[in-house]
Amino acid sequence: MTNQHTLYIKDRRDKERIIKDAIFSLTGAKKSVLIKGEGKEISTAVEVAEILKHRMYPSIEIANITLGSRPFYEYNRRNRNKQKNHKNIISKIEITLRTKTI
């Protein structure tokens, strides 16, 4: 059984809900929270992590930050015969916050 809660940021409007869920998880039974964001939501993920760090300063710390990318396929309708799929790359971030052991 893992002691980590994963929160996915899909939209900027989810920011306050994610902050609330993370606070409940960290003050409850979970030892760490993993915040994931992709594309334009990377800045929202960083903002959520910083808000949590400053709001709960003495009790949590940023344990790990992972940057990466994954393929993103987009169907090209204009040139169906020439190119079936156009492969793009989308960036992602994973930020792990954990409670400090005193």
Protein backbone atom coordinates (compact mmCIF):
# COMPACT_ATOMS: atom_id res chain seq x y z
CA MET A 1 0.00 0.00 0.00
CA THR A 2 1.48 3.33 -1.04
CA ASN A 3 1.38 6.38 1.15
CA GLN A 4 1.17 8.83 -1.77
CA HIS A 5 -1.79 10.69 -3.29
CA THR A 6 -1.63 11.69 -6.97
CA LEU A 7 -3.31 14.89 -8.16
CA TYR A 8 -3.68 15.65 -11.89
CA ILE A 9 -4.10 19.25 -13.00
CA LYS A 10 -6.23 19.32 -16.12
CA ASP A 11 -7.43 22.93 -16.04
CA ARG A 12 -6.42 26.17 -14.34
CA ARG A 13 -9.82 26.30 -12.66
CA ASP A 14 -8.90 23.13 -10.72
CA LYS A 15 -6.20 25.00 -8.77
CA GLU A 16 -8.19 25.67 -5.59
CA ARG A 17 -9.66 22.15 -5.52
CA ILE A 18 -6.18 20.63 -5.93
CA ILE A 19 -4.81 22.79 -3.09
CA LYS A 20 -7.66 21.75 -0.81
CA ASP A 21 -7.27 18.05 -1.69
CA ALA A 22 -3.50 18.21 -1.10
CA ILE A 23 -3.93 19.86 2.32
CA PHE A 24 -6.45 17.20 3.37
CA SER A 25 -4.15 14.43 2.13
CA LEU A 26 -1.02 15.78 3.84
CA THR A 27 -2.75 16.45 7.17
CA GLY A 28 -4.45 13.06 7.02
CA ALA A 29 -2.91 9.64 6.51
CA LYS A 30 -0.84 10.33 3.38
CA LYS A 31 2.88 11.05 3.70
CA SER A 32 3.34 12.59 0.25
CA VAL A 33 1.44 14.16 -2.64
CA LEU A 34 2.37 13.92 -6.33
CA ILE A 35 1.20 16.87 -8.44
CA LYS A 36 1.18 16.30 -12.21
CA GLY A 37 0.73 18.87 -14.97
CA GLU A 38 1.16 18.77 -18.75
CA GLY A 39 1.52 21.44 -21.40
CA LYS A 40 0.17 24.82 -20.38
CA GLU A 41 -0.76 23.46 -16.95
CA ILE A 42 2.91 23.14 -15.92
CA SER A 43 2.82 26.67 -14.54
CA THR A 44 -0.33 25.83 -12.57
CA ALA A 45 1.36 22.76 -11.06
CA VAL A 46 4.36 24.84 -9.98
CA GLU A 47 2.07 27.51 -8.55
CA VAL A 48 0.09 24.92 -6.55
CA ALA A 49 3.31 23.41 -5.15
CA GLU A 50 4.61 26.84 -4.11
CA ILE A 51 1.30 27.80 -2.47
CA LEU A 52 1.28 24.54 -0.51
CA LYS A 53 4.92 24.94 0.49
CA HIS A 54 4.35 28.46 1.82
CA ARG A 55 1.01 27.72 3.44
CA MET A 56 2.25 24.62 5.27
CA TYR A 57 5.91 25.70 5.53
CA PRO A 58 7.27 23.99 8.63
CA SER A 59 5.61 20.66 7.97
CA ILE A 60 6.20 19.93 4.25
CA GLU A 61 9.04 20.05 1.75
CA ILE A 62 9.51 19.54 -1.97
CA ALA A 63 10.96 16.05 -2.23
CA ASN A 64 11.36 15.60 -5.97
CA ILE A 65 10.74 17.38 -9.27
CA THR A 66 10.67 15.41 -12.52
CA LEU A 67 10.57 17.04 -15.95
CA GLY A 68 9.89 15.14 -19.12
CA SER A 69 7.89 14.87 -22.29
CA ARG A 70 5.66 12.40 -24.07
CA PRO A 71 4.48 12.01 -27.66
CA PHE A 72 1.27 13.75 -28.64
CA TYR A 73 -0.31 12.58 -31.89
CA GLU A 74 -2.51 14.92 -33.86
CA TYR A 75 -4.45 13.78 -36.91
CA ASN A 76 -3.80 15.94 -39.97
CA ARG A 77 -7.10 16.21 -41.88
CA ARG A 78 -5.86 18.47 -44.69
CA ASN A 79 -3.26 16.17 -46.17
CA ARG A 80 -4.79 12.75 -45.52
CA ASN A 81 -2.82 10.98 -48.24
CA LYS A 82 0.55 12.57 -47.52
CA GLN A 83 0.76 12.38 -43.76
CA LYS A 84 -1.52 10.29 -41.57
CA ASN A 85 -0.37 11.47 -38.17
CA HIS A 86 1.69 14.41 -37.09
CA LYS A 87 3.77 13.66 -33.99
CA ASN A 88 4.30 16.46 -31.50
CA ILE A 89 5.91 16.44 -28.09
CA ILE A 90 4.09 17.66 -24.99
CA SER A 91 6.04 18.59 -21.86
CA LYS A 92 5.11 17.39 -18.39
CA ILE A 93 6.12 17.97 -14.78
CA GLU A 94 5.73 15.88 -11.64
CA ILE A 95 6.28 17.53 -8.24
CA THR A 96 6.40 15.45 -5.07
CA LEU A 97 5.64 17.13 -1.75
CA ARG A 98 6.16 15.19 1.48
CA THR A 99 5.77 15.76 5.16
CA LYS A 100 8.97 16.42 7.08
CA THR A 101 9.99 13.97 9.75
CA ILE A 102 11.02 15.85 12.85
